[in-house]
Amino acid sequence: MAEQPQPISPVKNFFAGGFGGVCLVFVGHPLDTIKVRLQTQPKPQPGQPPLYSGTFDCFRKTLVGEGVRGLYRGMAAPIIGVTPMFAVCFFGFGLGKRLQQRKPDDVLTYPQLFAAGMLSGVFTTVIMAPGERIKCLLQIQAATGETKYSGSLDCAKQLYREAGIRGVYKGTVLTLMRDVPASGMYFMTYEWLKNILTPEGKSVSDLSAPRILFAGGLAGIFNWAVAIPPDVLKSRFQTAPPGKYPNGFRDVLRELIREEGVASLYKGFTAVMIRAFPANAACFLGFEVAMKFLNWIVPGL
């Protein structure tokens, strides 16, 4: 069973979660760019090779053609969104735990932790969906050779001008389908691993940095093992021309399976898994370090 830190402070969760999210983006964004380009590359014409043969080919072509900056395309949108998003994410998890406690010192079961994690996924979708839409569009535009958007703000303005708020939030249902179960798995796995890695007689709060990194990294892998199929559908749907998929994710799913088979739902798997461990290890370590710092300077907040 997991040990629950008390009390849950929204202010501390905001800053600690935001710092953890910034750490995640800086470590993981290059491979996120590779993942999106692999997921959205067009189907090759008969007799023609695909644009990218795999993760390392995509990485090489991006680096050669666009330099290091190409790997960080579209990073402004997630950077702008990570502080409130991860604040809401970590606070949502804490709130989910609190709602299931009859007494403040109740220790939750792992299914209860999974449910609390799912609540955090619902909370973050409001911020995540538009950021993901903008990020994906900016990540693929360099690969297509077109320059429709000059940056994140310009992309948001054009989307709103073309289709209103619905254009900005295109893909929200798929973002929910990805993040709700994946967030449940994410937080439950992290709490479970922290408990396993805590030496007998010691407190979870005293876990060493290498063990936090290991628990956070594996939690990220478990998260993405659940999230990849809806993430592929989301990336395709969010970057498709207006009107291409009138029935939403069902049309995307039918087209992918018909044209490329079930394996297409795991496009970008290698890039995702290579990214998941270091990015989420950095996220949880950043969160834990920031939380300890905040507890030290403002213990009563």
C-alpha atoms as a PDB file:
ATOM      1  CA  MET A   1       0.000   0.000   0.000  1.00  0.00           C
ATOM      2  CA  ALA A   2       1.083   3.555  -0.654  1.00  0.00           C
ATOM      3  CA  GLU A   3       1.977   6.102   1.986  1.00  0.00           C
ATOM      4  CA  GLN A   4       0.091   9.370   1.466  1.00  0.00           C
ATOM      5  CA  PRO A   5       1.822  12.700   2.167  1.00  0.00           C
ATOM      6  CA  GLN A   6      -0.448  15.130   4.037  1.00  0.00           C
ATOM      7  CA  PRO A   7      -1.685  17.750   3.710  1.00  0.00           C
ATOM      8  CA  ILE A   8      -2.041  18.315  -0.040  1.00  0.00           C
ATOM      9  CA  SER A   9      -1.101  21.915  -0.856  1.00  0.00           C
ATOM     10  CA  PRO A  10      -2.428  23.309  -4.169  1.00  0.00           C
ATOM     11  CA  VAL A  11       0.221  26.043  -4.180  1.00  0.00           C
ATOM     12  CA  LYS A  12       3.103  23.633  -3.618  1.00  0.00           C
ATOM     13  CA  ASN A  13       1.690  21.184  -6.165  1.00  0.00           C
ATOM     14  CA  PHE A  14       1.421  24.001  -8.688  1.00  0.00           C
ATOM     15  CA  PHE A  15       5.073  25.013  -8.463  1.00  0.00           C
ATOM     16  CA  ALA A  16       6.507  21.535  -7.929  1.00  0.00           C
ATOM     17  CA  GLY A  17       4.383  20.024 -10.697  1.00  0.00           C
ATOM     18  CA  GLY A  18       5.252  22.875 -13.031  1.00  0.00           C
ATOM     19  CA  PHE A  19       8.968  22.441 -12.409  1.00  0.00           C
ATOM     20  CA  GLY A  20       8.679  18.698 -12.996  1.00  0.00           C
ATOM     21  CA  GLY A  21       6.858  19.341 -16.259  1.00  0.00           C
ATOM     22  CA  VAL A  22       9.523  21.735 -17.506  1.00  0.00           C
ATOM     23  CA  CYS A  23      12.163  19.079 -16.764  1.00  0.00           C
ATOM     24  CA  LEU A  24      10.112  16.536 -18.730  1.00  0.00           C
ATOM     25  CA  VAL A  25       9.765  18.760 -21.798  1.00  0.00           C
ATOM     26  CA  PHE A  26      13.448  19.679 -22.030  1.00  0.00           C
ATOM     27  CA  VAL A  27      14.534  16.047 -21.737  1.00  0.00           C
ATOM     28  CA  GLY A  28      11.783  14.460 -23.832  1.00  0.00           C
ATOM     29  CA  HIS A  29      10.755  16.909 -26.571  1.00  0.00           C
ATOM     30  CA  PRO A  30      13.273  15.834 -29.265  1.00  0.00           C
ATOM     31  CA  LEU A  31      11.950  12.271 -29.246  1.00  0.00           C
ATOM     32  CA  ASP A  32       8.374  13.566 -29.064  1.00  0.00           C
ATOM     33  CA  THR A  33       9.051  15.369 -32.338  1.00  0.00           C
ATOM     34  CA  ILE A  34      10.334  12.120 -33.857  1.00  0.00           C
ATOM     35  CA  LYS A  35       7.279  10.251 -32.538  1.00  0.00           C
ATOM     36  CA  VAL A  36       4.787  12.697 -34.099  1.00  0.00           C
ATOM     37  CA  ARG A  37       6.591  12.717 -37.461  1.00  0.00           C
ATOM     38  CA  LEU A  38       6.585   8.920 -37.576  1.00  0.00           C
ATOM     39  CA  GLN A  39       2.910   8.771 -36.596  1.00  0.00           C
ATOM     40  CA  THR A  40       1.798  11.314 -39.206  1.00  0.00           C
ATOM     41  CA  GLN A  41       4.053  10.514 -42.168  1.00  0.00           C
ATOM     42  CA  PRO A  42       2.049   9.915 -45.361  1.00  0.00           C
ATOM     43  CA  LYS A  43       1.594   6.431 -46.737  1.00  0.00           C
ATOM     44  CA  PRO A  44       4.255   5.914 -49.457  1.00  0.00           C
ATOM     45  CA  GLN A  45       3.224   5.485 -53.067  1.00  0.00           C
ATOM     46  CA  PRO A  46       3.568   1.979 -54.557  1.00  0.00           C
ATOM     47  CA  GLY A  47       7.234   1.236 -55.178  1.00  0.00           C
ATOM     48  CA  GLN A  48       8.387   4.223 -53.127  1.00  0.00           C
ATOM     49  CA  PRO A  49      10.146   3.963 -49.742  1.00  0.00           C
ATOM     50  CA  PRO A  50       8.505   5.630 -46.734  1.00  0.00           C
ATOM     51  CA  LEU A  51       9.657   9.109 -45.749  1.00  0.00           C
ATOM     52  CA  TYR A  52      11.220   7.655 -42.607  1.00  0.00           C
ATOM     53  CA  SER A  53      12.229   4.011 -42.261  1.00  0.00           C
ATOM     54  CA  GLY A  54      12.183   4.183 -38.475  1.00  0.00           C
ATOM     55  CA  THR A  55      13.060   6.137 -35.353  1.00  0.00           C
ATOM     56  CA  PHE A  56      16.773   6.508 -35.990  1.00  0.00           C
ATOM     57  CA  ASP A  57      16.283   7.377 -39.665  1.00  0.00           C
ATOM     58  CA  CYS A  58      13.804  10.089 -38.708  1.00  0.00           C
ATOM     59  CA  PHE A  59      16.215  11.402 -36.071  1.00  0.00           C
ATOM     60  CA  ARG A  60      19.093  11.481 -38.551  1.00  0.00           C
ATOM     61  CA  LYS A  61      17.108  13.199 -41.313  1.00  0.00           C
ATOM     62  CA  THR A  62      15.720  15.787 -38.903  1.00  0.00           C
ATOM     63  CA  LEU A  63      19.148  16.532 -37.465  1.00  0.00           C
ATOM     64  CA  VAL A  64      20.829  16.750 -40.903  1.00  0.00           C
ATOM     65  CA  GLY A  65      18.050  18.751 -42.533  1.00  0.00           C
ATOM     66  CA  GLU A  66      17.109  21.106 -39.695  1.00  0.00           C
ATOM     67  CA  GLY A  67      19.828  20.889 -37.072  1.00  0.00           C
ATOM     68  CA  VAL A  68      19.253  20.574 -33.330  1.00  0.00           C
ATOM     69  CA  ARG A  69      16.537  23.250 -33.509  1.00  0.00           C
ATOM     70  CA  GLY A  70      14.482  20.901 -35.677  1.00  0.00           C
ATOM     71  CA  LEU A  71      14.259  18.440 -32.801  1.00  0.00           C
ATOM     72  CA  TYR A  72      12.751  21.162 -30.622  1.00  0.00           C
ATOM     73  CA  ARG A  73      10.071  22.307 -33.093  1.00  0.00           C
ATOM     74  CA  GLY A  74       6.836  23.226 -31.367  1.00  0.00           C
ATOM     75  CA  MET A  75       8.369  23.196 -27.886  1.00  0.00           C
ATOM     76  CA  ALA A  76       7.003  26.633 -26.977  1.00  0.00           C
ATOM     77  CA  ALA A  77       3.432  25.312 -26.723  1.00  0.00           C
ATOM     78  CA  PRO A  78       4.192  22.515 -24.232  1.00  0.00           C
ATOM     79  CA  ILE A  79       6.600  24.748 -22.269  1.00  0.00           C
ATOM     80  CA  ILE A  80       3.879  27.397 -21.909  1.00  0.00           C
ATOM     81  CA  GLY A  81       1.391  24.728 -20.926  1.00  0.00           C
ATOM     82  CA  VAL A  82       3.473  22.530 -18.642  1.00  0.00           C
ATOM     83  CA  THR A  83       3.344  24.654 -15.504  1.00  0.00           C
ATOM     84  CA  PRO A  84      -0.449  24.858 -15.201  1.00  0.00           C
ATOM     85  CA  MET A  85      -0.892  21.413 -16.769  1.00  0.00           C
ATOM     86  CA  PHE A  86       1.393  19.546 -14.416  1.00  0.00           C
ATOM     87  CA  ALA A  87       0.172  21.643 -11.505  1.00  0.00           C
ATOM     88  CA  VAL A  88      -3.376  20.551 -12.297  1.00  0.00           C
ATOM     89  CA  CYS A  89      -2.170  17.005 -12.978  1.00  0.00           C
ATOM     90  CA  PHE A  90      -0.416  16.536  -9.640  1.00  0.00           C
ATOM     91  CA  PHE A  91      -3.074  18.444  -7.757  1.00  0.00           C
ATOM     92  CA  GLY A  92      -5.785  16.379  -9.470  1.00  0.00           C
ATOM     93  CA  PHE A  93      -4.054  13.211  -8.303  1.00  0.00           C
ATOM     94  CA  GLY A  94      -3.864  14.569  -4.775  1.00  0.00           C
ATOM     95  CA  LEU A  95      -7.501  15.595  -4.865  1.00  0.00           C
ATOM     96  CA  GLY A  96      -8.481  12.164  -6.164  1.00  0.00           C
ATOM     97  CA  LYS A  97      -6.698  10.588  -3.210  1.00  0.00           C
ATOM     98  CA  ARG A  98      -8.294  12.989  -0.743  1.00  0.00           C
ATOM     99  CA  LEU A  99     -11.809  12.321  -2.062  1.00  0.00           C
ATOM    100  CA  GLN A 100     -11.394   8.605  -1.454  1.00  0.00           C
ATOM    101  CA  GLN A 101     -10.143   8.974   2.106  1.00  0.00           C
ATOM    102  CA  ARG A 102     -12.562   8.671   5.002  1.00  0.00           C
ATOM    103  CA  LYS A 103      -9.870   9.863   7.412  1.00  0.00           C
ATOM    104  CA  PRO A 104      -6.785  11.991   6.627  1.00  0.00           C
ATOM    105  CA  ASP A 105      -4.428   9.157   7.574  1.00  0.00           C
ATOM    106  CA  ASP A 106      -6.144   6.481   5.454  1.00  0.00           C
ATOM    107  CA  VAL A 107      -3.743   4.591   3.177  1.00  0.00           C
ATOM    108  CA  LEU A 108      -5.228   3.975  -0.259  1.00  0.00           C
ATOM    109  CA  THR A 109      -5.187   0.725  -2.193  1.00  0.00           C
ATOM    110  CA  TYR A 110      -3.598   0.575  -5.614  1.00  0.00           C
ATOM    111  CA  PRO A 111      -6.979   0.511  -7.437  1.00  0.00           C
ATOM    112  CA  GLN A 112      -7.869   3.690  -5.530  1.00  0.00           C
ATOM    113  CA  LEU A 113      -4.575   5.263  -6.609  1.00  0.00           C
ATOM    114  CA  PHE A 114      -5.396   4.268 -10.194  1.00  0.00           C
ATOM    115  CA  ALA A 115      -8.772   6.025  -9.884  1.00  0.00           C
ATOM    116  CA  ALA A 116      -7.096   9.133  -8.458  1.00  0.00           C
ATOM    117  CA  GLY A 117      -4.663   9.133 -11.381  1.00  0.00           C
ATOM    118  CA  MET A 118      -7.544   8.915 -13.867  1.00  0.00           C
ATOM    119  CA  LEU A 119      -9.081  12.032 -12.306  1.00  0.00           C
ATOM    120  CA  SER A 120      -5.842  13.909 -12.925  1.00  0.00           C
ATOM    121  CA  GLY A 121      -6.103  12.945 -16.619  1.00  0.00           C
ATOM    122  CA  VAL A 122      -9.573  14.516 -16.819  1.00  0.00           C
ATOM    123  CA  PHE A 123      -8.293  17.722 -15.228  1.00  0.00           C
ATOM    124  CA  THR A 124      -5.326  18.142 -17.552  1.00  0.00           C
ATOM    125  CA  THR A 125      -7.204  17.630 -20.830  1.00  0.00           C
ATOM    126  CA  VAL A 126      -8.532  21.209 -20.837  1.00  0.00           C
ATOM    127  CA  ILE A 127      -4.949  22.479 -21.023  1.00  0.00           C
ATOM    128  CA  MET A 128      -3.417  19.535 -22.863  1.00  0.00           C
ATOM    129  CA  ALA A 129      -5.729  19.315 -25.891  1.00  0.00           C
ATOM    130  CA  PRO A 130      -4.999  22.732 -27.496  1.00  0.00           C
ATOM    131  CA  GLY A 131      -1.289  22.493 -26.648  1.00  0.00           C
ATOM    132  CA  GLU A 132      -1.086  19.068 -28.296  1.00  0.00           C
ATOM    133  CA  ARG A 133      -2.945  20.320 -31.373  1.00  0.00           C
ATOM    134  CA  ILE A 134      -0.530  23.241 -31.836  1.00  0.00           C
ATOM    135  CA  LYS A 135       2.550  21.143 -31.054  1.00  0.00           C
ATOM    136  CA  CYS A 136       1.676  18.432 -33.579  1.00  0.00           C
ATOM    137  CA  LEU A 137       0.957  20.927 -36.365  1.00  0.00           C
ATOM    138  CA  LEU A 138       4.280  22.708 -35.810  1.00  0.00           C
ATOM    139  CA  GLN A 139       6.199  19.436 -35.589  1.00  0.00           C
ATOM    140  CA  ILE A 140       4.977  18.135 -38.943  1.00  0.00           C
ATOM    141  CA  GLN A 141       5.070  21.396 -40.931  1.00  0.00           C
ATOM    142  CA  ALA A 142       8.873  21.395 -41.175  1.00  0.00           C
ATOM    143  CA  ALA A 143       8.777  17.830 -42.523  1.00  0.00           C
ATOM    144  CA  THR A 144       6.278  18.787 -45.252  1.00  0.00           C
ATOM    145  CA  GLY A 145       8.354  21.746 -46.457  1.00  0.00           C
ATOM    146  CA  GLU A 146       5.494  24.207 -45.917  1.00  0.00           C
ATOM    147  CA  THR A 147       5.575  27.112 -43.485  1.00  0.00           C
ATOM    148  CA  LYS A 148       1.991  27.958 -42.662  1.00  0.00           C
ATOM    149  CA  TYR A 149       2.615  28.883 -39.019  1.00  0.00           C
ATOM    150  CA  SER A 150       5.419  31.130 -37.771  1.00  0.00           C
ATOM    151  CA  GLY A 151       5.120  29.859 -34.215  1.00  0.00           C
ATOM    152  CA  SER A 152       2.805  28.654 -31.464  1.00  0.00           C
ATOM    153  CA  LEU A 153       0.885  31.924 -31.065  1.00  0.00           C
ATOM    154  CA  ASP A 154       0.442  32.343 -34.811  1.00  0.00           C
ATOM    155  CA  CYS A 155      -0.789  28.739 -35.054  1.00  0.00           C
ATOM    156  CA  ALA A 156      -3.345  29.320 -32.279  1.00  0.00           C
ATOM    157  CA  LYS A 157      -4.562  32.531 -33.932  1.00  0.00           C
ATOM    158  CA  GLN A 158      -4.979  30.876 -37.332  1.00  0.00           C
ATOM    159  CA  LEU A 159      -6.796  27.876 -35.870  1.00  0.00           C
ATOM    160  CA  TYR A 160      -9.194  30.134 -34.004  1.00  0.00           C
ATOM    161  CA  ARG A 161      -9.758  32.332 -37.059  1.00  0.00           C
ATOM    162  CA  GLU A 162     -10.464  29.314 -39.284  1.00  0.00           C
ATOM    163  CA  ALA A 163     -12.717  27.257 -36.993  1.00  0.00           C
ATOM    164  CA  GLY A 164     -13.186  29.077 -33.706  1.00  0.00           C
ATOM    165  CA  ILE A 165     -12.558  27.442 -30.335  1.00  0.00           C
ATOM    166  CA  ARG A 166     -13.529  24.032 -31.775  1.00  0.00           C
ATOM    167  CA  GLY A 167     -10.558  24.277 -34.127  1.00  0.00           C
ATOM    168  CA  VAL A 168      -8.192  24.901 -31.229  1.00  0.00           C
ATOM    169  CA  TYR A 169      -9.666  22.033 -29.203  1.00  0.00           C
ATOM    170  CA  LYS A 170      -9.842  19.529 -32.060  1.00  0.00           C
ATOM    171  CA  GLY A 171      -8.924  16.093 -30.692  1.00  0.00           C
ATOM    172  CA  THR A 172     -10.155  16.671 -27.127  1.00  0.00           C
ATOM    173  CA  VAL A 173     -12.061  13.359 -26.941  1.00  0.00           C
ATOM    174  CA  LEU A 174      -9.006  11.450 -28.121  1.00  0.00           C
ATOM    175  CA  THR A 175      -6.842  13.325 -25.620  1.00  0.00           C
ATOM    176  CA  LEU A 176      -9.236  12.160 -22.886  1.00  0.00           C
ATOM    177  CA  MET A 177      -9.152   8.587 -24.222  1.00  0.00           C
ATOM    178  CA  ARG A 178      -5.367   8.685 -24.048  1.00  0.00           C
ATOM    179  CA  ASP A 179      -4.775  10.519 -20.773  1.00  0.00           C
ATOM    180  CA  VAL A 180      -7.454   9.186 -18.409  1.00  0.00           C
ATOM    181  CA  PRO A 181      -6.370   5.486 -18.334  1.00  0.00           C
ATOM    182  CA  ALA A 182      -2.713   6.344 -18.949  1.00  0.00           C
ATOM    183  CA  SER A 183      -2.617   8.778 -16.012  1.00  0.00           C
ATOM    184  CA  GLY A 184      -4.172   6.139 -13.781  1.00  0.00           C
ATOM    185  CA  MET A 185      -1.428   3.713 -14.743  1.00  0.00           C
ATOM    186  CA  TYR A 186       1.224   6.448 -14.431  1.00  0.00           C
ATOM    187  CA  PHE A 187       0.570   7.456 -10.839  1.00  0.00           C
ATOM    188  CA  MET A 188      -0.343   3.992  -9.564  1.00  0.00           C
ATOM    189  CA  THR A 189       2.884   2.540 -10.983  1.00  0.00           C
ATOM    190  CA  TYR A 190       4.978   5.360  -9.521  1.00  0.00           C
ATOM    191  CA  GLU A 191       3.493   4.923  -6.027  1.00  0.00           C
ATOM    192  CA  TRP A 192       3.844   1.134  -6.263  1.00  0.00           C
ATOM    193  CA  LEU A 193       7.495   1.307  -7.313  1.00  0.00           C
ATOM    194  CA  LYS A 194       8.317   3.879  -4.643  1.00  0.00           C
ATOM    195  CA  ASN A 195       6.969   1.499  -2.005  1.00  0.00           C
ATOM    196  CA  ILE A 196       8.896  -1.468  -3.435  1.00  0.00           C
ATOM    197  CA  LEU A 197      12.129   0.560  -3.593  1.00  0.00           C
ATOM    198  CA  THR A 198      11.858   1.975  -0.070  1.00  0.00           C
ATOM    199  CA  PRO A 199      14.217   0.074   2.293  1.00  0.00           C
ATOM    200  CA  GLU A 200      12.573  -1.578   5.264  1.00  0.00           C
ATOM    201  CA  GLY A 201      12.265   0.780   8.199  1.00  0.00           C
ATOM    202  CA  LYS A 202      12.651   3.861   5.987  1.00  0.00           C
ATOM    203  CA  SER A 203      10.058   6.391   4.808  1.00  0.00           C
ATOM    204  CA  VAL A 204       8.997   6.814   1.173  1.00  0.00           C
ATOM    205  CA  SER A 205       9.747  10.529   1.542  1.00  0.00           C
ATOM    206  CA  ASP A 206      13.433   9.688   2.132  1.00  0.00           C
ATOM    207  CA  LEU A 207      13.838   7.779  -1.152  1.00  0.00           C
ATOM    208  CA  SER A 208      17.157   8.506  -2.879  1.00  0.00           C
ATOM    209  CA  ALA A 209      17.388  10.381  -6.178  1.00  0.00           C
ATOM    210  CA  PRO A 210      18.472   7.297  -8.213  1.00  0.00           C
ATOM    211  CA  ARG A 211      15.480   5.339  -6.903  1.00  0.00           C
ATOM    212  CA  ILE A 212      13.103   8.218  -7.669  1.00  0.00           C
ATOM    213  CA  LEU A 213      14.568   8.381 -11.194  1.00  0.00           C
ATOM    214  CA  PHE A 214      14.065   4.640 -11.652  1.00  0.00           C
ATOM    215  CA  ALA A 215      10.471   4.710 -10.329  1.00  0.00           C
ATOM    216  CA  GLY A 216       9.582   7.768 -12.418  1.00  0.00           C
ATOM    217  CA  GLY A 217      11.174   6.348 -15.558  1.00  0.00           C
ATOM    218  CA  LEU A 218       9.347   3.021 -15.302  1.00  0.00           C
ATOM    219  CA  ALA A 219       6.090   4.824 -14.512  1.00  0.00           C
ATOM    220  CA  GLY A 220       6.532   6.706 -17.784  1.00  0.00           C
ATOM    221  CA  ILE A 221       7.003   3.458 -19.698  1.00  0.00           C
ATOM    222  CA  PHE A 222       3.846   1.936 -18.165  1.00  0.00           C
ATOM    223  CA  ASN A 223       1.975   5.169 -18.941  1.00  0.00           C
ATOM    224  CA  TRP A 224       2.899   5.084 -22.627  1.00  0.00           C
ATOM    225  CA  ALA A 225       2.270   1.358 -22.982  1.00  0.00           C
ATOM    226  CA  VAL A 226      -1.376   2.274 -22.357  1.00  0.00           C
ATOM    227  CA  ALA A 227      -1.351   5.600 -24.217  1.00  0.00           C
ATOM    228  CA  ILE A 228       0.282   4.825 -27.589  1.00  0.00           C
ATOM    229  CA  PRO A 229      -2.753   3.609 -29.627  1.00  0.00           C
ATOM    230  CA  PRO A 230      -5.027   6.574 -28.747  1.00  0.00           C
ATOM    231  CA  ASP A 231      -2.004   8.884 -29.145  1.00  0.00           C
ATOM    232  CA  VAL A 232      -1.497   7.686 -32.727  1.00  0.00           C
ATOM    233  CA  LEU A 233      -5.183   8.322 -33.471  1.00  0.00           C
ATOM    234  CA  LYS A 234      -4.991  11.738 -31.803  1.00  0.00           C
ATOM    235  CA  SER A 235      -1.917  12.824 -33.779  1.00  0.00           C
ATOM    236  CA  ARG A 236      -3.522  11.759 -37.074  1.00  0.00           C
ATOM    237  CA  PHE A 237      -6.819  13.427 -36.248  1.00  0.00           C
ATOM    238  CA  GLN A 238      -5.315  16.687 -34.988  1.00  0.00           C
ATOM    239  CA  THR A 239      -3.092  17.150 -38.031  1.00  0.00           C
ATOM    240  CA  ALA A 240      -5.660  16.097 -40.664  1.00  0.00           C
ATOM    241  CA  PRO A 241      -7.209  18.682 -43.029  1.00  0.00           C
ATOM    242  CA  PRO A 242     -10.635  20.009 -41.954  1.00  0.00           C
ATOM    243  CA  GLY A 243     -13.449  17.587 -42.764  1.00  0.00           C
ATOM    244  CA  LYS A 244     -11.227  14.580 -43.498  1.00  0.00           C
ATOM    245  CA  TYR A 245     -12.587  12.545 -40.585  1.00  0.00           C
ATOM    246  CA  PRO A 246     -16.250  13.571 -40.098  1.00  0.00           C
ATOM    247  CA  ASN A 247     -16.915  10.765 -37.596  1.00  0.00           C
ATOM    248  CA  GLY A 248     -13.855  11.527 -35.499  1.00  0.00           C
ATOM    249  CA  PHE A 249     -11.558   8.835 -34.146  1.00  0.00           C
ATOM    250  CA  ARG A 250     -13.693   6.028 -35.609  1.00  0.00           C
ATOM    251  CA  ASP A 251     -12.824   7.187 -39.140  1.00  0.00           C
ATOM    252  CA  VAL A 252      -9.141   7.497 -38.221  1.00  0.00           C
ATOM    253  CA  LEU A 253      -9.134   4.015 -36.699  1.00  0.00           C
ATOM    254  CA  ARG A 254     -10.879   2.432 -39.704  1.00  0.00           C
ATOM    255  CA  GLU A 255      -8.522   4.115 -42.176  1.00  0.00           C
ATOM    256  CA  LEU A 256      -5.367   3.152 -40.277  1.00  0.00           C
ATOM    257  CA  ILE A 257      -6.346  -0.489 -39.846  1.00  0.00           C
ATOM    258  CA  ARG A 258      -7.611  -0.799 -43.437  1.00  0.00           C
ATOM    259  CA  GLU A 259      -4.519   0.750 -45.028  1.00  0.00           C
ATOM    260  CA  GLU A 260      -1.684  -0.110 -42.636  1.00  0.00           C
ATOM    261  CA  GLY A 261      -2.925  -2.827 -40.283  1.00  0.00           C
ATOM    262  CA  VAL A 262      -3.221  -3.023 -36.515  1.00  0.00           C
ATOM    263  CA  ALA A 263       0.533  -2.486 -36.119  1.00  0.00           C
ATOM    264  CA  SER A 264       0.014   1.120 -37.286  1.00  0.00           C
ATOM    265  CA  LEU A 265      -1.545   1.867 -33.870  1.00  0.00           C
ATOM    266  CA  TYR A 266       1.936   1.456 -32.413  1.00  0.00           C
ATOM    267  CA  LYS A 267       3.739   3.802 -34.790  1.00  0.00           C
ATOM    268  CA  GLY A 268       6.465   5.684 -32.973  1.00  0.00           C
ATOM    269  CA  PHE A 269       6.687   2.945 -30.306  1.00  0.00           C
ATOM    270  CA  THR A 270      10.488   2.939 -30.239  1.00  0.00           C
ATOM    271  CA  ALA A 271      10.724   6.741 -30.021  1.00  0.00           C
ATOM    272  CA  VAL A 272       8.083   6.817 -27.286  1.00  0.00           C
ATOM    273  CA  MET A 273       9.780   4.170 -25.170  1.00  0.00           C
ATOM    274  CA  ILE A 274      13.259   5.660 -25.585  1.00  0.00           C
ATOM    275  CA  ARG A 275      11.814   9.022 -24.500  1.00  0.00           C
ATOM    276  CA  ALA A 276       9.531   7.749 -21.741  1.00  0.00           C
ATOM    277  CA  PHE A 277      12.141   6.671 -19.231  1.00  0.00           C
ATOM    278  CA  PRO A 278      14.458   9.709 -19.080  1.00  0.00           C
ATOM    279  CA  ALA A 279      11.679  12.274 -19.564  1.00  0.00           C
ATOM    280  CA  ASN A 280       9.450  10.940 -16.797  1.00  0.00           C
ATOM    281  CA  ALA A 281      12.374  10.196 -14.531  1.00  0.00           C
ATOM    282  CA  ALA A 282      13.307  13.877 -14.876  1.00  0.00           C
ATOM    283  CA  CYS A 283       9.687  14.905 -14.265  1.00  0.00           C
ATOM    284  CA  PHE A 284       9.249  13.007 -11.005  1.00  0.00           C
ATOM    285  CA  LEU A 285      12.711  13.901  -9.723  1.00  0.00           C
ATOM    286  CA  GLY A 286      12.015  17.565 -10.497  1.00  0.00           C
ATOM    287  CA  PHE A 287       8.674  17.317  -8.693  1.00  0.00           C
ATOM    288  CA  GLU A 288      10.108  15.615  -5.607  1.00  0.00           C
ATOM    289  CA  VAL A 289      13.076  18.020  -5.366  1.00  0.00           C
ATOM    290  CA  ALA A 290      10.830  21.060  -5.792  1.00  0.00           C
ATOM    291  CA  MET A 291       8.348  19.736  -3.232  1.00  0.00           C
ATOM    292  CA  LYS A 292      11.088  19.145  -0.661  1.00  0.00           C
ATOM    293  CA  PHE A 293      12.433  22.647  -1.307  1.00  0.00           C
ATOM    294  CA  LEU A 294       8.978  24.174  -0.864  1.00  0.00           C
ATOM    295  CA  ASN A 295       8.383  22.163   2.304  1.00  0.00           C
ATOM    296  CA  TRP A 296      11.665  23.479   3.631  1.00  0.00           C
ATOM    297  CA  ILE A 297      11.138  27.180   2.874  1.00  0.00           C
ATOM    298  CA  VAL A 298       7.370  27.335   3.553  1.00  0.00           C
ATOM    299  CA  PRO A 299       6.545  24.345   5.760  1.00  0.00           C
ATOM    300  CA  GLY A 300       3.115  25.629   6.787  1.00  0.00           C
ATOM    301  CA  LEU A 301       1.825  26.576   3.325  1.00  0.00           C
END
